[in-house]
Amino acid sequence: MSKKVRRVPVSLDAGEIKDLPQEDIRMILRGADELISTGGRSMLAKILKGSKDKKIFEHKLNECPAYGYYQDMKLDDIAKCIDWMIKKD
């Protein structure tokens, strides 16, 4: 018996981002790889920011090579990079 998946509508906002450097793309994907079955876009943004969120440490996501990659950026700007990646598949 399969579990019914509930889809949540999402609004993506890439802001003014037209392109991302290859290294940024690689690190976003690396961070996303760690989140399979654990979290979503918000958690990915927190990993890339280097957040001290309790859940990140519970799941040892602070050990991910992408942790803190965007430490000098705001979470909102990091989310726009992630949304750009989703829009570009």
N, C-alpha and C. Protein backbone atom coordinates (compact mmCIF):
# COMPACT_ATOMS: atom_id res chain seq x y z
N MET A 1 0.85 -1.16 0.00
CA MET A 1 0.00 0.00 0.00
C MET A 1 0.91 1.24 0.00
N SER A 2 0.66 2.12 -0.93
CA SER A 2 1.51 3.32 -1.02
C SER A 2 0.94 4.46 -0.18
N LYS A 3 1.84 5.27 0.26
CA LYS A 3 1.48 6.44 1.06
C LYS A 3 1.07 7.57 0.12
N LYS A 4 -0.02 8.24 0.41
CA LYS A 4 -0.48 9.34 -0.44
C LYS A 4 0.39 10.57 -0.19
N VAL A 5 0.96 11.11 -1.24
CA VAL A 5 1.82 12.28 -1.15
C VAL A 5 0.99 13.54 -1.33
N ARG A 6 1.15 14.46 -0.39
CA ARG A 6 0.40 15.71 -0.46
C ARG A 6 1.31 16.76 -1.10
N ARG A 7 0.90 17.32 -2.20
CA ARG A 7 1.65 18.35 -2.90
C ARG A 7 1.30 19.72 -2.34
N VAL A 8 2.31 20.50 -2.07
CA VAL A 8 2.12 21.84 -1.55
C VAL A 8 2.49 22.82 -2.64
N PRO A 9 1.59 23.76 -3.00
CA PRO A 9 1.94 24.73 -4.04
C PRO A 9 3.11 25.60 -3.59
N VAL A 10 4.02 25.85 -4.51
CA VAL A 10 5.23 26.61 -4.21
C VAL A 10 5.36 27.76 -5.20
N SER A 11 5.74 28.91 -4.70
CA SER A 11 6.00 30.05 -5.55
C SER A 11 7.52 30.28 -5.58
N LEU A 12 8.12 30.15 -6.74
CA LEU A 12 9.56 30.32 -6.88
C LEU A 12 9.90 31.75 -7.25
N ASP A 13 10.92 32.30 -6.62
CA ASP A 13 11.33 33.68 -6.89
C ASP A 13 12.85 33.73 -7.02
N ALA A 14 13.33 33.79 -8.25
CA ALA A 14 14.76 33.86 -8.49
C ALA A 14 15.26 35.30 -8.51
N GLY A 15 14.37 36.25 -8.29
CA GLY A 15 14.78 37.65 -8.27
C GLY A 15 15.41 38.07 -9.58
N GLU A 16 16.52 38.75 -9.49
CA GLU A 16 17.22 39.27 -10.67
C GLU A 16 18.31 38.32 -11.18
N ILE A 17 18.38 37.13 -10.63
CA ILE A 17 19.46 36.20 -11.00
C ILE A 17 19.26 35.73 -12.44
N LYS A 18 20.27 35.93 -13.25
CA LYS A 18 20.23 35.50 -14.65
C LYS A 18 21.09 34.25 -14.86
N ASP A 19 22.11 34.10 -14.01
CA ASP A 19 23.03 32.97 -14.15
C ASP A 19 23.77 32.79 -12.83
N LEU A 20 24.25 31.58 -12.58
CA LEU A 20 25.06 31.29 -11.41
C LEU A 20 26.37 30.66 -11.85
N PRO A 21 27.46 30.96 -11.15
CA PRO A 21 28.73 30.30 -11.48
C PRO A 21 28.63 28.79 -11.27
N GLN A 22 29.40 28.05 -12.02
CA GLN A 22 29.38 26.59 -11.95
C GLN A 22 29.65 26.09 -10.53
N GLU A 23 30.56 26.73 -9.81
CA GLU A 23 30.88 26.32 -8.44
C GLU A 23 29.66 26.48 -7.52
N ASP A 24 28.90 27.56 -7.70
CA ASP A 24 27.68 27.77 -6.91
C ASP A 24 26.67 26.67 -7.20
N ILE A 25 26.50 26.35 -8.45
CA ILE A 25 25.57 25.29 -8.85
C ILE A 25 25.99 23.97 -8.21
N ARG A 26 27.26 23.66 -8.26
CA ARG A 26 27.79 22.42 -7.69
C ARG A 26 27.52 22.36 -6.17
N MET A 27 27.73 23.47 -5.47
CA MET A 27 27.55 23.46 -4.02
C MET A 27 26.07 23.40 -3.63
N ILE A 28 25.20 24.04 -4.39
CA ILE A 28 23.77 23.95 -4.12
C ILE A 28 23.30 22.50 -4.30
N LEU A 29 23.76 21.87 -5.37
CA LEU A 29 23.39 20.47 -5.60
C LEU A 29 23.98 19.56 -4.52
N ARG A 30 25.19 19.85 -4.08
CA ARG A 30 25.83 19.05 -3.04
C ARG A 30 25.05 19.15 -1.74
N GLY A 31 24.61 20.35 -1.40
CA GLY A 31 23.80 20.55 -0.21
C GLY A 31 22.45 19.85 -0.33
N ALA A 32 21.84 19.93 -1.50
CA ALA A 32 20.54 19.30 -1.73
C ALA A 32 20.64 17.79 -1.61
N ASP A 33 21.75 17.24 -2.03
CA ASP A 33 21.97 15.79 -1.96
C ASP A 33 21.88 15.30 -0.51
N GLU A 34 22.35 16.08 0.42
CA GLU A 34 22.33 15.72 1.84
C GLU A 34 20.92 15.74 2.42
N LEU A 35 20.00 16.44 1.76
CA LEU A 35 18.66 16.66 2.32
C LEU A 35 17.61 15.65 1.91
N ILE A 36 17.97 14.72 1.08
CA ILE A 36 16.97 13.76 0.59
C ILE A 36 16.29 13.11 1.79
N SER A 37 15.00 13.20 1.86
CA SER A 37 14.15 12.66 2.93
C SER A 37 14.32 13.38 4.27
N THR A 38 15.02 14.50 4.31
CA THR A 38 15.26 15.19 5.57
C THR A 38 14.66 16.59 5.60
N GLY A 39 14.80 17.33 4.51
CA GLY A 39 14.34 18.72 4.50
C GLY A 39 14.06 19.20 3.10
N GLY A 40 13.78 20.50 3.01
CA GLY A 40 13.44 21.09 1.73
C GLY A 40 14.25 22.35 1.45
N ARG A 41 13.62 23.26 0.71
CA ARG A 41 14.29 24.48 0.28
C ARG A 41 14.78 25.33 1.44
N SER A 42 13.97 25.49 2.46
CA SER A 42 14.36 26.31 3.61
C SER A 42 15.56 25.72 4.33
N MET A 43 15.54 24.41 4.52
CA MET A 43 16.65 23.75 5.19
C MET A 43 17.92 23.84 4.34
N LEU A 44 17.78 23.72 3.02
CA LEU A 44 18.92 23.85 2.14
C LEU A 44 19.53 25.24 2.26
N ALA A 45 18.69 26.26 2.30
CA ALA A 45 19.19 27.63 2.46
C ALA A 45 19.95 27.77 3.78
N LYS A 46 19.44 27.15 4.83
CA LYS A 46 20.11 27.22 6.13
C LYS A 46 21.46 26.51 6.11
N ILE A 47 21.54 25.40 5.41
CA ILE A 47 22.82 24.69 5.28
C ILE A 47 23.82 25.57 4.55
N LEU A 48 23.40 26.12 3.43
CA LEU A 48 24.30 26.96 2.64
C LEU A 48 24.72 28.22 3.40
N LYS A 49 23.86 28.71 4.28
CA LYS A 49 24.17 29.88 5.09
C LYS A 49 25.13 29.53 6.24
N GLY A 50 25.06 28.28 6.70
CA GLY A 50 25.87 27.88 7.85
C GLY A 50 25.12 28.13 9.15
N SER A 51 23.81 27.99 9.09
CA SER A 51 22.94 28.24 10.24
C SER A 51 23.27 27.31 11.41
N LYS A 52 22.97 27.78 12.60
CA LYS A 52 23.15 26.98 13.82
C LYS A 52 21.83 26.34 14.25
N ASP A 53 20.89 26.22 13.33
CA ASP A 53 19.58 25.62 13.60
C ASP A 53 19.76 24.22 14.20
N LYS A 54 18.95 23.92 15.21
CA LYS A 54 19.04 22.65 15.94
C LYS A 54 18.88 21.44 15.01
N LYS A 55 17.95 21.51 14.06
CA LYS A 55 17.71 20.38 13.16
C LYS A 55 18.93 20.08 12.28
N ILE A 56 19.66 21.11 11.93
CA ILE A 56 20.86 20.90 11.11
C ILE A 56 21.87 20.05 11.88
N PHE A 57 22.02 20.35 13.15
CA PHE A 57 22.97 19.60 13.97
C PHE A 57 22.43 18.22 14.33
N GLU A 58 21.11 18.09 14.51
CA GLU A 58 20.50 16.79 14.80
C GLU A 58 20.76 15.79 13.67
N HIS A 59 20.69 16.29 12.43
CA HIS A 59 20.89 15.43 11.25
C HIS A 59 22.33 15.47 10.74
N LYS A 60 23.20 16.14 11.49
CA LYS A 60 24.63 16.26 11.15
C LYS A 60 24.84 16.89 9.78
N LEU A 61 23.94 17.79 9.38
CA LEU A 61 24.05 18.46 8.10
C LEU A 61 25.15 19.51 8.12
N ASN A 62 25.61 19.87 9.30
CA ASN A 62 26.74 20.80 9.42
C ASN A 62 28.05 20.17 8.94
N GLU A 63 28.05 18.86 8.72
CA GLU A 63 29.22 18.17 8.20
C GLU A 63 29.26 18.14 6.67
N CYS A 64 28.20 18.62 6.06
CA CYS A 64 28.11 18.68 4.60
C CYS A 64 29.15 19.67 4.06
N PRO A 65 29.84 19.34 2.98
CA PRO A 65 30.82 20.26 2.41
C PRO A 65 30.23 21.61 1.98
N ALA A 66 28.93 21.66 1.74
CA ALA A 66 28.28 22.91 1.31
C ALA A 66 27.90 23.79 2.50
N TYR A 67 28.04 23.28 3.72
CA TYR A 67 27.65 24.03 4.91
C TYR A 67 28.46 25.32 5.02
N GLY A 68 27.76 26.44 5.05
CA GLY A 68 28.41 27.74 5.18
C GLY A 68 28.96 28.32 3.89
N TYR A 69 28.68 27.67 2.77
CA TYR A 69 29.20 28.16 1.48
C TYR A 69 28.81 29.60 1.22
N TYR A 70 27.57 29.95 1.54
CA TYR A 70 27.06 31.31 1.34
C TYR A 70 26.97 32.06 2.68
N GLN A 71 27.92 31.90 3.55
CA GLN A 71 27.83 32.48 4.89
C GLN A 71 27.68 33.99 4.91
N ASP A 72 28.13 34.68 3.88
CA ASP A 72 28.05 36.15 3.84
C ASP A 72 26.77 36.66 3.19
N MET A 73 25.89 35.75 2.76
CA MET A 73 24.64 36.16 2.11
C MET A 73 23.47 36.06 3.07
N LYS A 74 22.40 36.78 2.76
CA LYS A 74 21.16 36.69 3.52
C LYS A 74 20.40 35.45 3.07
N LEU A 75 19.62 34.87 3.99
CA LEU A 75 18.83 33.68 3.66
C LEU A 75 17.92 33.91 2.46
N ASP A 76 17.33 35.10 2.37
CA ASP A 76 16.43 35.41 1.26
C ASP A 76 17.17 35.36 -0.08
N ASP A 77 18.40 35.86 -0.11
CA ASP A 77 19.18 35.83 -1.35
C ASP A 77 19.63 34.41 -1.69
N ILE A 78 19.92 33.63 -0.68
CA ILE A 78 20.29 32.22 -0.90
C ILE A 78 19.09 31.48 -1.47
N ALA A 79 17.90 31.76 -0.93
CA ALA A 79 16.67 31.12 -1.42
C ALA A 79 16.45 31.46 -2.90
N LYS A 80 16.79 32.67 -3.31
CA LYS A 80 16.64 33.04 -4.72
C LYS A 80 17.57 32.23 -5.61
N CYS A 81 18.76 31.94 -5.14
CA CYS A 81 19.69 31.08 -5.89
C CYS A 81 19.12 29.68 -6.02
N ILE A 82 18.56 29.16 -4.94
CA ILE A 82 17.94 27.83 -4.96
C ILE A 82 16.75 27.82 -5.91
N ASP A 83 15.92 28.85 -5.84
CA ASP A 83 14.76 28.93 -6.75
C ASP A 83 15.20 29.01 -8.21
N TRP A 84 16.29 29.72 -8.47
CA TRP A 84 16.82 29.79 -9.85
C TRP A 84 17.19 28.39 -10.31
N MET A 85 17.84 27.64 -9.43
CA MET A 85 18.24 26.26 -9.78
C MET A 85 17.02 25.40 -10.08
N ILE A 86 15.97 25.53 -9.27
CA ILE A 86 14.76 24.73 -9.48
C ILE A 86 14.12 25.10 -10.81
N LYS A 87 14.05 26.39 -11.11
CA LYS A 87 13.47 26.83 -12.38
C LYS A 87 14.26 26.32 -13.58
N LYS A 88 15.57 26.22 -13.42
CA LYS A 88 16.43 25.76 -14.52
C LYS A 88 16.56 24.24 -14.57
N ASP A 89 15.86 23.55 -13.68
CA ASP A 89 15.94 22.08 -13.57
C ASP A 89 17.33 21.63 -13.23
